[in-house]
Every structure is written in structure tokens, then in C-alpha cells.
N, C-alpha and C. Protein backbone atom coordinates (compact mmCIF):
# COMPACT_ATOMS: atom_id res chain seq x y z
N UNK A 1 55.17 120.74 181.38
CA UNK A 1 53.86 121.38 181.48
C UNK A 1 52.77 120.33 181.75
N UNK A 2 51.64 120.83 182.23
CA UNK A 2 50.55 119.94 182.57
C UNK A 2 49.87 119.38 181.32
N UNK A 3 49.51 118.10 181.38
CA UNK A 3 48.78 117.44 180.30
C UNK A 3 47.52 116.83 180.90
N UNK A 4 46.40 116.97 180.21
CA UNK A 4 45.14 116.41 180.70
C UNK A 4 44.44 115.68 179.56
N UNK A 5 44.11 114.41 179.79
CA UNK A 5 43.57 113.58 178.72
C UNK A 5 42.32 112.81 179.17
N UNK A 6 41.52 112.47 178.17
CA UNK A 6 40.36 111.60 178.36
C UNK A 6 40.64 110.29 177.64
N UNK A 7 40.57 109.17 178.36
CA UNK A 7 40.81 107.86 177.76
C UNK A 7 39.52 107.04 177.79
N UNK A 8 39.36 106.17 176.81
CA UNK A 8 38.17 105.32 176.75
C UNK A 8 38.52 103.85 176.97
N UNK A 9 39.76 103.57 177.28
CA UNK A 9 40.24 102.19 177.42
C UNK A 9 41.24 102.15 178.55
N UNK A 10 40.94 101.41 179.61
CA UNK A 10 41.81 101.38 180.79
C UNK A 10 43.21 100.89 180.44
N UNK A 11 43.33 99.97 179.48
CA UNK A 11 44.65 99.43 179.14
C UNK A 11 45.50 100.49 178.45
N UNK A 12 44.89 101.27 177.57
CA UNK A 12 45.60 102.36 176.92
C UNK A 12 46.01 103.41 177.96
N UNK A 13 45.10 103.67 178.91
CA UNK A 13 45.39 104.63 179.97
C UNK A 13 46.56 104.17 180.82
N UNK A 14 46.57 102.88 181.18
CA UNK A 14 47.66 102.33 182.00
C UNK A 14 48.98 102.37 181.26
N UNK A 15 48.96 102.04 179.97
CA UNK A 15 50.19 102.12 179.17
C UNK A 15 50.77 103.52 179.23
N UNK A 16 49.91 104.51 179.07
CA UNK A 16 50.34 105.91 179.04
C UNK A 16 50.92 106.32 180.40
N UNK A 17 50.20 106.02 181.46
CA UNK A 17 50.64 106.40 182.80
C UNK A 17 51.93 105.68 183.18
N UNK A 18 52.00 104.38 182.87
CA UNK A 18 53.19 103.61 183.24
C UNK A 18 54.42 104.06 182.46
N UNK A 19 54.22 104.54 181.24
CA UNK A 19 55.34 105.11 180.48
C UNK A 19 55.86 106.37 181.18
N UNK A 20 54.94 107.19 181.70
CA UNK A 20 55.33 108.38 182.44
C UNK A 20 56.07 108.01 183.72
N UNK A 21 55.58 106.98 184.41
CA UNK A 21 56.23 106.53 185.64
C UNK A 21 57.65 106.06 185.34
N UNK A 22 57.81 105.40 184.20
CA UNK A 22 59.14 104.95 183.78
C UNK A 22 60.08 106.12 183.48
N UNK A 23 59.50 107.29 183.23
CA UNK A 23 60.31 108.49 182.95
C UNK A 23 60.43 109.41 184.16
N UNK A 24 60.19 108.85 185.34
CA UNK A 24 60.44 109.60 186.56
C UNK A 24 59.25 110.26 187.23
N UNK A 25 58.07 110.08 186.68
CA UNK A 25 56.87 110.62 187.31
C UNK A 25 56.44 109.70 188.46
N UNK A 26 55.81 110.29 189.48
CA UNK A 26 55.18 109.53 190.54
C UNK A 26 53.72 109.31 190.16
N UNK A 27 53.26 108.07 190.29
CA UNK A 27 51.91 107.75 189.84
C UNK A 27 50.91 107.61 190.97
N UNK A 28 49.67 108.05 190.70
CA UNK A 28 48.56 107.87 191.63
C UNK A 28 47.35 107.38 190.86
N UNK A 29 46.81 106.23 191.28
CA UNK A 29 45.59 105.71 190.67
C UNK A 29 44.42 105.91 191.62
N UNK A 30 43.41 106.62 191.17
CA UNK A 30 42.17 106.78 191.92
C UNK A 30 41.19 105.79 191.29
N UNK A 31 40.94 104.68 191.96
CA UNK A 31 40.31 103.56 191.29
C UNK A 31 39.58 102.64 192.27
N UNK A 32 38.79 101.74 191.73
CA UNK A 32 38.18 100.67 192.51
C UNK A 32 39.04 99.41 192.47
N UNK A 33 40.04 99.41 191.62
CA UNK A 33 40.90 98.24 191.42
C UNK A 33 42.22 98.45 192.14
N UNK A 34 42.46 97.70 193.19
CA UNK A 34 43.68 97.87 193.99
C UNK A 34 44.87 97.10 193.42
N UNK A 35 44.69 96.45 192.28
CA UNK A 35 45.75 95.60 191.74
C UNK A 35 46.34 96.14 190.43
N UNK A 36 46.17 97.42 190.16
CA UNK A 36 46.70 97.97 188.92
C UNK A 36 48.22 98.03 188.92
N UNK A 37 48.84 98.26 190.09
CA UNK A 37 50.29 98.22 190.19
C UNK A 37 50.99 99.46 189.68
N UNK A 38 52.31 99.57 190.00
CA UNK A 38 53.21 100.62 189.50
C UNK A 38 52.89 102.03 189.98
N UNK A 39 52.02 102.16 190.98
CA UNK A 39 51.69 103.49 191.48
C UNK A 39 51.03 103.37 192.84
N UNK A 40 50.91 104.51 193.52
CA UNK A 40 50.12 104.54 194.75
C UNK A 40 48.64 104.43 194.38
N UNK A 41 47.85 103.87 195.29
CA UNK A 41 46.42 103.73 195.03
C UNK A 41 45.61 104.53 196.02
N UNK A 42 44.61 105.23 195.52
CA UNK A 42 43.57 105.82 196.37
C UNK A 42 42.32 105.04 196.01
N UNK A 43 41.93 104.11 196.87
CA UNK A 43 40.84 103.20 196.53
C UNK A 43 39.47 103.83 196.78
N UNK A 44 38.67 103.85 195.75
CA UNK A 44 37.36 104.48 195.84
C UNK A 44 36.37 103.61 196.60
N UNK A 45 35.68 104.22 197.55
CA UNK A 45 34.55 103.57 198.22
C UNK A 45 33.44 104.61 198.34
N UNK A 46 32.24 104.14 198.65
CA UNK A 46 31.13 105.09 198.74
C UNK A 46 31.16 105.91 200.02
N UNK A 47 32.21 105.71 200.85
CA UNK A 47 32.33 106.48 202.08
C UNK A 47 33.02 107.83 201.84
N UNK A 48 33.69 107.95 200.71
CA UNK A 48 34.41 109.20 200.44
C UNK A 48 33.52 110.19 199.73
N UNK A 49 33.75 111.47 200.02
CA UNK A 49 33.09 112.49 199.21
C UNK A 49 34.12 113.07 198.23
N UNK A 50 33.64 113.85 197.32
CA UNK A 50 34.51 114.40 196.27
C UNK A 50 35.61 115.28 196.86
N UNK A 51 35.30 116.01 197.93
CA UNK A 51 36.30 116.88 198.54
C UNK A 51 37.47 116.07 199.09
N UNK A 52 37.20 114.90 199.65
CA UNK A 52 38.27 114.05 200.18
C UNK A 52 39.18 113.56 199.06
N UNK A 53 38.58 113.21 197.93
CA UNK A 53 39.37 112.78 196.78
C UNK A 53 40.22 113.93 196.28
N UNK A 54 39.62 115.11 196.17
CA UNK A 54 40.34 116.29 195.72
C UNK A 54 41.48 116.63 196.65
N UNK A 55 41.27 116.49 197.96
CA UNK A 55 42.31 116.78 198.95
C UNK A 55 43.48 115.81 198.81
N UNK A 56 43.17 114.53 198.56
CA UNK A 56 44.23 113.53 198.39
C UNK A 56 45.07 113.84 197.15
N UNK A 57 44.41 114.27 196.08
CA UNK A 57 45.12 114.62 194.85
C UNK A 57 45.99 115.86 195.09
N UNK A 58 45.45 116.86 195.78
CA UNK A 58 46.19 118.08 196.08
C UNK A 58 47.47 117.77 196.86
N UNK A 59 47.35 116.93 197.88
CA UNK A 59 48.51 116.53 198.69
C UNK A 59 49.55 115.81 197.83
N UNK A 60 49.08 114.96 196.92
CA UNK A 60 49.98 114.19 196.07
C UNK A 60 50.75 115.10 195.11
N UNK A 61 50.06 116.04 194.50
CA UNK A 61 50.70 116.97 193.57
C UNK A 61 51.73 117.83 194.28
N UNK A 62 51.38 118.30 195.47
CA UNK A 62 52.30 119.16 196.23
C UNK A 62 53.53 118.40 196.70
N UNK A 63 53.39 117.08 196.91
CA UNK A 63 54.50 116.27 197.42
C UNK A 63 55.46 115.80 196.33
N UNK A 64 55.06 115.94 195.06
CA UNK A 64 55.87 115.43 193.96
C UNK A 64 56.08 116.47 192.87
N UNK A 65 57.31 116.56 192.38
CA UNK A 65 57.61 117.52 191.32
C UNK A 65 56.95 117.13 190.00
N UNK A 66 56.90 115.83 189.75
CA UNK A 66 56.25 115.33 188.53
C UNK A 66 55.26 114.24 188.94
N UNK A 67 53.99 114.44 188.63
CA UNK A 67 52.98 113.46 189.03
C UNK A 67 52.14 113.03 187.83
N UNK A 68 51.74 111.76 187.86
CA UNK A 68 50.87 111.20 186.83
C UNK A 68 49.66 110.60 187.55
N UNK A 69 48.50 111.19 187.32
CA UNK A 69 47.30 110.83 188.07
C UNK A 69 46.26 110.22 187.13
N UNK A 70 45.78 109.04 187.49
CA UNK A 70 44.73 108.37 186.72
C UNK A 70 43.45 108.34 187.54
N UNK A 71 42.41 108.97 187.03
CA UNK A 71 41.08 108.89 187.64
C UNK A 71 40.29 107.84 186.87
N UNK A 72 40.09 106.69 187.51
CA UNK A 72 39.42 105.56 186.87
C UNK A 72 38.00 105.42 187.42
N UNK A 73 37.18 104.65 186.71
CA UNK A 73 35.81 104.35 187.14
C UNK A 73 34.97 105.61 187.37
N UNK A 74 34.98 106.48 186.38
CA UNK A 74 34.13 107.67 186.43
C UNK A 74 32.66 107.27 186.56
N UNK A 75 32.29 106.14 185.94
CA UNK A 75 30.90 105.67 186.02
C UNK A 75 30.48 105.43 187.48
N UNK A 76 31.39 104.85 188.26
CA UNK A 76 31.11 104.59 189.67
C UNK A 76 30.93 105.91 190.43
N UNK A 77 31.84 106.84 190.20
CA UNK A 77 31.76 108.13 190.87
C UNK A 77 30.48 108.88 190.51
N UNK A 78 30.08 108.80 189.25
CA UNK A 78 28.84 109.45 188.80
C UNK A 78 27.64 108.84 189.51
N UNK A 79 27.61 107.51 189.62
CA UNK A 79 26.49 106.83 190.28
C UNK A 79 26.39 107.19 191.76
N UNK A 80 27.55 107.36 192.41
CA UNK A 80 27.56 107.64 193.85
C UNK A 80 27.34 109.12 194.15
N UNK A 81 28.01 110.00 193.37
CA UNK A 81 28.03 111.42 193.70
C UNK A 81 27.28 112.31 192.72
N UNK A 82 26.98 111.79 191.54
CA UNK A 82 26.35 112.61 190.50
C UNK A 82 27.40 113.21 189.58
N UNK A 83 27.03 113.44 188.32
CA UNK A 83 28.00 113.91 187.33
C UNK A 83 28.54 115.29 187.66
N UNK A 84 27.69 116.19 188.15
CA UNK A 84 28.15 117.56 188.43
C UNK A 84 29.30 117.58 189.42
N UNK A 85 29.22 116.74 190.44
CA UNK A 85 30.30 116.68 191.44
C UNK A 85 31.58 116.12 190.84
N UNK A 86 31.43 115.13 189.97
CA UNK A 86 32.61 114.53 189.32
C UNK A 86 33.26 115.55 188.39
N UNK A 87 32.46 116.33 187.69
CA UNK A 87 33.00 117.36 186.80
C UNK A 87 33.76 118.42 187.61
N UNK A 88 33.24 118.75 188.79
CA UNK A 88 33.94 119.69 189.67
C UNK A 88 35.31 119.14 190.07
N UNK A 89 35.37 117.83 190.30
CA UNK A 89 36.65 117.19 190.64
C UNK A 89 37.63 117.30 189.48
N UNK A 90 37.15 117.06 188.27
CA UNK A 90 38.00 117.19 187.08
C UNK A 90 38.52 118.62 186.96
N UNK A 91 37.65 119.61 187.14
CA UNK A 91 38.07 121.01 187.11
C UNK A 91 39.13 121.29 188.18
N UNK A 92 38.89 120.77 189.38
CA UNK A 92 39.79 121.01 190.51
C UNK A 92 41.19 120.46 190.22
N UNK A 93 41.25 119.20 189.79
CA UNK A 93 42.55 118.57 189.53
C UNK A 93 43.27 119.29 188.41
N UNK A 94 42.54 119.66 187.37
CA UNK A 94 43.14 120.39 186.26
C UNK A 94 43.73 121.71 186.73
N UNK A 95 42.99 122.43 187.58
CA UNK A 95 43.48 123.71 188.09
C UNK A 95 44.69 123.54 188.99
N UNK A 96 44.69 122.49 189.81
CA UNK A 96 45.82 122.22 190.71
C UNK A 96 47.09 121.93 189.92
N UNK A 97 46.93 121.26 188.78
CA UNK A 97 48.09 120.80 188.02
C UNK A 97 48.63 121.84 187.04
N UNK A 98 47.89 122.89 186.78
CA UNK A 98 48.31 123.88 185.79
C UNK A 98 49.63 124.54 186.19
N UNK A 99 50.50 124.71 185.19
CA UNK A 99 51.79 125.35 185.44
C UNK A 99 52.83 124.43 186.02
N UNK A 100 52.47 123.16 186.21
CA UNK A 100 53.41 122.19 186.76
C UNK A 100 53.59 121.04 185.78
N UNK A 101 54.60 120.23 186.03
CA UNK A 101 54.86 119.09 185.15
C UNK A 101 54.05 117.89 185.64
N UNK A 102 52.79 117.86 185.25
CA UNK A 102 51.88 116.82 185.70
C UNK A 102 51.08 116.25 184.54
N UNK A 103 50.63 115.03 184.74
CA UNK A 103 49.73 114.38 183.79
C UNK A 103 48.48 113.97 184.54
N UNK A 104 47.33 114.35 184.00
CA UNK A 104 46.04 113.97 184.59
C UNK A 104 45.25 113.24 183.52
N UNK A 105 44.86 112.01 183.82
CA UNK A 105 44.19 111.16 182.84
C UNK A 105 42.89 110.64 183.44
N UNK A 106 41.79 110.88 182.74
CA UNK A 106 40.47 110.42 183.18
C UNK A 106 40.03 109.29 182.26
N UNK A 107 39.80 108.12 182.85
CA UNK A 107 39.35 106.97 182.06
C UNK A 107 37.83 106.82 182.23
N UNK A 108 37.13 106.77 181.10
CA UNK A 108 35.67 106.67 181.16
C UNK A 108 35.16 105.77 180.05
N UNK A 109 34.18 104.94 180.39
CA UNK A 109 33.47 104.15 179.39
C UNK A 109 32.36 105.04 178.83
N UNK A 110 32.43 105.43 177.54
CA UNK A 110 31.43 106.35 176.97
C UNK A 110 30.00 105.85 177.09
N UNK A 111 29.83 104.51 177.21
CA UNK A 111 28.50 103.94 177.32
C UNK A 111 27.90 104.16 178.72
N UNK A 112 28.74 104.56 179.68
CA UNK A 112 28.28 104.69 181.06
C UNK A 112 27.79 106.10 181.39
N UNK A 113 28.00 107.05 180.49
CA UNK A 113 27.50 108.41 180.70
C UNK A 113 26.79 108.86 179.43
N UNK A 114 26.02 109.92 179.54
CA UNK A 114 25.27 110.36 178.35
C UNK A 114 26.13 111.27 177.46
N UNK A 115 25.71 111.49 176.21
CA UNK A 115 26.52 112.28 175.26
C UNK A 115 26.83 113.69 175.74
N UNK A 116 25.89 114.32 176.46
CA UNK A 116 26.12 115.69 176.95
C UNK A 116 27.24 115.69 178.00
N UNK A 117 27.23 114.69 178.87
CA UNK A 117 28.27 114.58 179.90
C UNK A 117 29.63 114.32 179.27
N UNK A 118 29.65 113.46 178.26
CA UNK A 118 30.90 113.17 177.56
C UNK A 118 31.43 114.43 176.88
N UNK A 119 30.53 115.21 176.30
CA UNK A 119 30.93 116.45 175.62
C UNK A 119 31.57 117.43 176.61
N UNK A 120 31.03 117.52 177.83
CA UNK A 120 31.59 118.42 178.84
C UNK A 120 33.00 117.98 179.25
N UNK A 121 33.21 116.67 179.35
CA UNK A 121 34.55 116.17 179.68
C UNK A 121 35.53 116.48 178.55
N UNK A 122 35.05 116.37 177.32
CA UNK A 122 35.91 116.64 176.16
C UNK A 122 36.32 118.11 176.08
N UNK A 123 35.49 118.99 176.64
CA UNK A 123 35.85 120.42 176.64
C UNK A 123 37.01 120.69 177.57
N UNK A 124 37.17 119.86 178.57
CA UNK A 124 38.23 120.07 179.57
C UNK A 124 39.46 119.21 179.29
N UNK A 125 39.27 118.09 178.58
CA UNK A 125 40.34 117.10 178.40
C UNK A 125 40.53 116.76 176.93
N UNK A 126 41.78 116.58 176.53
CA UNK A 126 42.07 116.11 175.17
C UNK A 126 41.91 114.60 175.12
N UNK A 127 41.44 114.11 174.00
CA UNK A 127 41.25 112.66 173.88
C UNK A 127 42.59 111.97 173.68
N UNK A 128 42.84 110.94 174.47
CA UNK A 128 44.08 110.18 174.36
C UNK A 128 43.97 109.18 173.23
N UNK A 129 44.88 109.28 172.28
CA UNK A 129 44.86 108.34 171.16
C UNK A 129 45.51 107.03 171.57
N UNK A 130 44.95 105.94 171.09
CA UNK A 130 45.48 104.63 171.42
C UNK A 130 46.76 104.36 170.63
N UNK A 131 47.74 103.79 171.32
CA UNK A 131 48.99 103.40 170.65
C UNK A 131 48.84 102.05 169.99
N UNK A 132 47.72 101.38 170.29
CA UNK A 132 47.53 100.02 169.79
C UNK A 132 46.26 99.89 168.97
N UNK A 133 46.07 100.82 168.03
CA UNK A 133 44.93 100.68 167.13
C UNK A 133 45.15 99.41 166.30
N UNK A 134 44.19 98.51 166.36
CA UNK A 134 44.36 97.23 165.69
C UNK A 134 44.11 97.34 164.19
N UNK A 135 44.96 96.67 163.43
CA UNK A 135 44.74 96.57 161.99
C UNK A 135 43.47 95.75 161.76
N UNK A 136 42.91 95.88 160.55
CA UNK A 136 41.67 95.18 160.23
C UNK A 136 41.84 93.66 160.36
N UNK A 137 43.02 93.14 159.97
CA UNK A 137 43.20 91.68 160.01
C UNK A 137 43.21 91.16 161.45
N UNK A 138 43.74 91.97 162.38
CA UNK A 138 43.75 91.56 163.78
C UNK A 138 42.38 91.75 164.43
N UNK A 139 41.70 92.82 164.03
CA UNK A 139 40.34 93.06 164.55
C UNK A 139 39.39 91.94 164.12
N UNK A 140 39.61 91.42 162.92
CA UNK A 140 38.78 90.32 162.42
C UNK A 140 38.92 89.10 163.33
N UNK A 141 40.15 88.81 163.74
CA UNK A 141 40.38 87.67 164.62
C UNK A 141 39.75 87.91 165.99
N UNK A 142 39.92 89.12 166.53
CA UNK A 142 39.32 89.46 167.83
C UNK A 142 37.81 89.24 167.79
N UNK A 143 37.16 89.71 166.75
CA UNK A 143 35.71 89.57 166.61
C UNK A 143 35.30 88.10 166.53
N UNK A 144 36.09 87.30 165.81
CA UNK A 144 35.78 85.87 165.68
C UNK A 144 35.93 85.15 167.01
N UNK A 145 37.02 85.40 167.71
CA UNK A 145 37.28 84.73 168.99
C UNK A 145 36.25 85.14 170.03
N UNK A 146 35.79 86.39 169.97
CA UNK A 146 34.84 86.91 170.97
C UNK A 146 33.52 86.16 170.95
N UNK A 147 33.16 85.57 169.82
CA UNK A 147 31.86 84.91 169.69
C UNK A 147 31.87 83.47 170.18
N UNK A 148 33.06 82.99 170.60
CA UNK A 148 33.17 81.59 171.00
C UNK A 148 33.93 81.46 172.32
N UNK A 149 33.61 80.41 173.07
CA UNK A 149 34.28 80.20 174.35
C UNK A 149 35.69 79.68 174.14
N UNK A 150 35.86 78.74 173.21
CA UNK A 150 37.17 78.18 172.91
C UNK A 150 37.38 78.19 171.40
N UNK A 151 38.53 78.66 170.98
CA UNK A 151 38.84 78.71 169.55
C UNK A 151 40.21 78.10 169.31
N UNK A 152 40.28 77.12 168.43
CA UNK A 152 41.56 76.50 168.06
C UNK A 152 42.19 77.30 166.92
N UNK A 153 43.51 77.16 166.78
CA UNK A 153 44.22 77.85 165.70
C UNK A 153 43.58 77.53 164.34
N UNK A 154 43.22 76.26 164.15
CA UNK A 154 42.67 75.85 162.85
C UNK A 154 41.34 76.54 162.57
N UNK A 155 40.60 76.87 163.63
CA UNK A 155 39.33 77.59 163.45
C UNK A 155 39.58 78.99 162.90
N UNK A 156 40.63 79.63 163.42
CA UNK A 156 40.98 80.97 162.95
C UNK A 156 41.45 80.91 161.49
N UNK A 157 42.27 79.90 161.19
CA UNK A 157 42.78 79.72 159.83
C UNK A 157 41.62 79.60 158.84
N UNK A 158 40.63 78.77 159.21
CA UNK A 158 39.49 78.53 158.32
C UNK A 158 38.60 79.77 158.21
N UNK A 159 38.29 80.38 159.34
CA UNK A 159 37.38 81.52 159.35
C UNK A 159 37.94 82.72 158.59
N UNK A 160 39.24 82.96 158.73
CA UNK A 160 39.86 84.14 158.10
C UNK A 160 40.47 83.85 156.73
N UNK A 161 40.37 82.58 156.31
CA UNK A 161 40.91 82.17 155.00
C UNK A 161 42.37 82.57 154.85
N UNK A 162 43.17 82.17 155.85
CA UNK A 162 44.61 82.45 155.83
C UNK A 162 45.38 81.16 156.05
N UNK A 163 46.69 81.21 155.86
CA UNK A 163 47.52 80.02 156.04
C UNK A 163 47.79 79.79 157.53
N UNK A 164 48.28 78.58 157.85
CA UNK A 164 48.63 78.26 159.23
C UNK A 164 49.74 79.20 159.74
N UNK A 165 50.70 79.49 158.87
CA UNK A 165 51.81 80.36 159.25
C UNK A 165 51.32 81.77 159.57
N UNK A 166 50.39 82.27 158.75
CA UNK A 166 49.83 83.60 158.98
C UNK A 166 49.01 83.63 160.26
N UNK A 167 48.28 82.53 160.52
CA UNK A 167 47.50 82.42 161.76
C UNK A 167 48.41 82.53 162.97
N UNK A 168 49.50 81.78 162.95
CA UNK A 168 50.45 81.81 164.08
C UNK A 168 51.01 83.22 164.27
N UNK A 169 51.39 83.84 163.16
CA UNK A 169 51.99 85.17 163.23
C UNK A 169 51.02 86.19 163.83
N UNK A 170 49.78 86.17 163.35
CA UNK A 170 48.80 87.15 163.83
C UNK A 170 48.40 86.90 165.28
N UNK A 171 48.24 85.64 165.65
CA UNK A 171 47.87 85.33 167.02
C UNK A 171 49.02 85.64 167.99
N UNK A 172 50.24 85.40 167.56
CA UNK A 172 51.40 85.76 168.39
C UNK A 172 51.48 87.28 168.58
N UNK A 173 51.11 88.01 167.53
CA UNK A 173 51.10 89.47 167.61
C UNK A 173 50.04 89.95 168.60
N UNK A 174 48.87 89.34 168.55
CA UNK A 174 47.79 89.69 169.47
C UNK A 174 48.15 89.32 170.91
N UNK A 175 48.85 88.20 171.06
CA UNK A 175 49.28 87.79 172.40
C UNK A 175 50.30 88.79 172.96
N UNK A 176 51.21 89.25 172.10
CA UNK A 176 52.22 90.22 172.53
C UNK A 176 51.58 91.55 172.95
N UNK A 177 50.45 91.89 172.32
CA UNK A 177 49.71 93.11 172.66
C UNK A 177 48.83 92.92 173.89
N UNK A 178 48.76 91.67 174.37
CA UNK A 178 47.94 91.39 175.55
C UNK A 178 46.47 91.25 175.24
N UNK A 179 46.14 91.05 173.96
CA UNK A 179 44.74 90.96 173.55
C UNK A 179 44.15 89.56 173.68
N UNK A 180 45.00 88.55 173.56
CA UNK A 180 44.52 87.17 173.66
C UNK A 180 45.43 86.35 174.58
N UNK A 181 44.89 85.24 175.05
CA UNK A 181 45.66 84.27 175.82
C UNK A 181 45.67 82.97 175.04
N UNK A 182 46.84 82.37 174.90
CA UNK A 182 46.99 81.13 174.14
C UNK A 182 47.44 80.03 175.09
N UNK A 183 46.67 78.94 175.13
CA UNK A 183 47.00 77.82 176.00
C UNK A 183 46.89 76.52 175.23
N UNK A 184 47.67 75.53 175.68
CA UNK A 184 47.60 74.21 175.05
C UNK A 184 46.47 73.40 175.67
N UNK A 185 45.72 72.76 174.82
CA UNK A 185 44.64 71.86 175.25
C UNK A 185 44.89 70.53 174.55
N UNK A 186 45.74 69.68 175.17
CA UNK A 186 46.20 68.47 174.50
C UNK A 186 47.18 68.85 173.41
N UNK A 187 46.89 68.41 172.21
CA UNK A 187 47.75 68.77 171.07
C UNK A 187 47.32 70.07 170.40
N UNK A 188 46.20 70.58 170.82
CA UNK A 188 45.64 71.77 170.19
C UNK A 188 45.92 73.02 171.00
N UNK A 189 46.22 74.11 170.32
CA UNK A 189 46.36 75.40 170.97
C UNK A 189 45.02 76.12 170.93
N UNK A 190 44.60 76.60 172.10
CA UNK A 190 43.30 77.26 172.23
C UNK A 190 43.50 78.75 172.51
N UNK A 191 42.68 79.56 171.87
CA UNK A 191 42.77 81.02 172.00
C UNK A 191 41.54 81.55 172.74
N UNK A 192 41.79 82.45 173.69
CA UNK A 192 40.71 83.16 174.39
C UNK A 192 41.06 84.64 174.43
N UNK A 193 40.03 85.47 174.48
CA UNK A 193 40.28 86.90 174.64
C UNK A 193 40.71 87.18 176.08
N UNK A 194 41.69 88.06 176.24
CA UNK A 194 42.08 88.54 177.56
C UNK A 194 41.10 89.66 177.96
N UNK A 195 41.24 90.16 179.18
CA UNK A 195 40.40 91.28 179.59
C UNK A 195 40.67 92.50 178.70
N UNK A 196 41.94 92.63 178.32
CA UNK A 196 42.29 93.75 177.43
C UNK A 196 41.62 93.59 176.06
N UNK A 197 41.61 92.35 175.55
CA UNK A 197 40.97 92.09 174.28
C UNK A 197 39.48 92.37 174.33
N UNK A 198 38.85 91.98 175.45
CA UNK A 198 37.42 92.22 175.61
C UNK A 198 37.10 93.71 175.63
N UNK A 199 38.04 94.50 176.18
CA UNK A 199 37.78 95.94 176.28
C UNK A 199 37.71 96.61 174.91
N UNK A 200 38.33 96.00 173.89
CA UNK A 200 38.30 96.59 172.55
C UNK A 200 36.94 96.44 171.89
N UNK A 201 36.10 95.57 172.45
CA UNK A 201 34.78 95.32 171.86
C UNK A 201 33.72 96.29 172.35
N UNK A 202 34.05 97.10 173.36
CA UNK A 202 33.06 98.02 173.95
C UNK A 202 32.74 99.16 172.99
């Protein structure tokens, strides 16, 4: 059956879509980013109108028994076409996918639209829950690293009042989640937030 979700984090959205692709769905990303991978891309430019995007989605759904569609950069579409037109696109895709085995996911930064617009999207789409809700101890490290350009392991140990072993364990966990990047700087290991880590601060 058709599933329709609203995501607030592109990384969570990609995890969800890529899991579907791994289960036999065909993926389509409607995005400004041509490097997302693992799916066909419909690259957004200001030359397209909403009807052209809707037509591309319609063709994709009809060509595939199971489709997973990600509509990214809603803020860009709103700036170019206006929110009402973007909402019509969401309605259109939802209607096209009903009764079929499809996934439709809309990724939006809540800060880029107003509360009334967000409420209208929520009426049409279920909110996608993150599979990677960070524990408080990991969030503390993310917040600390975010305030500095370079952070050594010993800085995290001191700031969080934890042992060296615990520091290594937590930072390795964050690295595995794709939240931080760890590099050697001489004898010292330096931690930086990844793009995914930065997205958790929004």
C-alpha cells in the first residue's frame, strides 16, 4: 500500500528511501543535489514548472510496480513557484500513488516555511520518525564539537567529564552513525561534525 511521509532531516529521509530501494523499490529523487546516489534523479531547476515535475513523477509511478519517491528542497520549490503550487504537487503525487505499493517522502526544513504551511503538509503526510534519535550523552558531544573548528579527543573527555575509554566509545559510535569525522592530526585525533551531524543542530 501507499505510504506518504514528511521528513525534517535529509539523512533520515535517505536512510528510509535507500532501505526501500534495498527491498526492491525503484527510487526517484526530485532534488537540487545530483549526488545523492542509489536512485534516478530529477534535478530541480527554475526552468521547470510544477506540472512538468508532476508529469515526471506520474511516468515514473506508471513504469514501476514499486516506487520510492523523495521530494527534496521544498524550500527551493516554494521560493520559485509559491507554496500553493508545491502543495498541489504533494496532493497530485499522493493521489497518483494511492492504491499502489509506493512510498512518497517529502523532506522539508521547518525553518524554511511558516507554521501554517507546515501544518498543511502534516495534514497530508505522516511525520517520519528518525531511526537515529541521539541519546543525551551523544547529543552533548555533538553540541560541544559544533562550537569549535577542531576538537581533540582529550577536549571531549574534559568537557563531558568522562574517561578516555568512554570518549573513544562514544565518538566511534557517532562516527558509525555518520555524525562526525575523525582524522589524525599528528599524534592527536581531531573530531569535526559531518554534514549529517550539522543537520541535527537545525
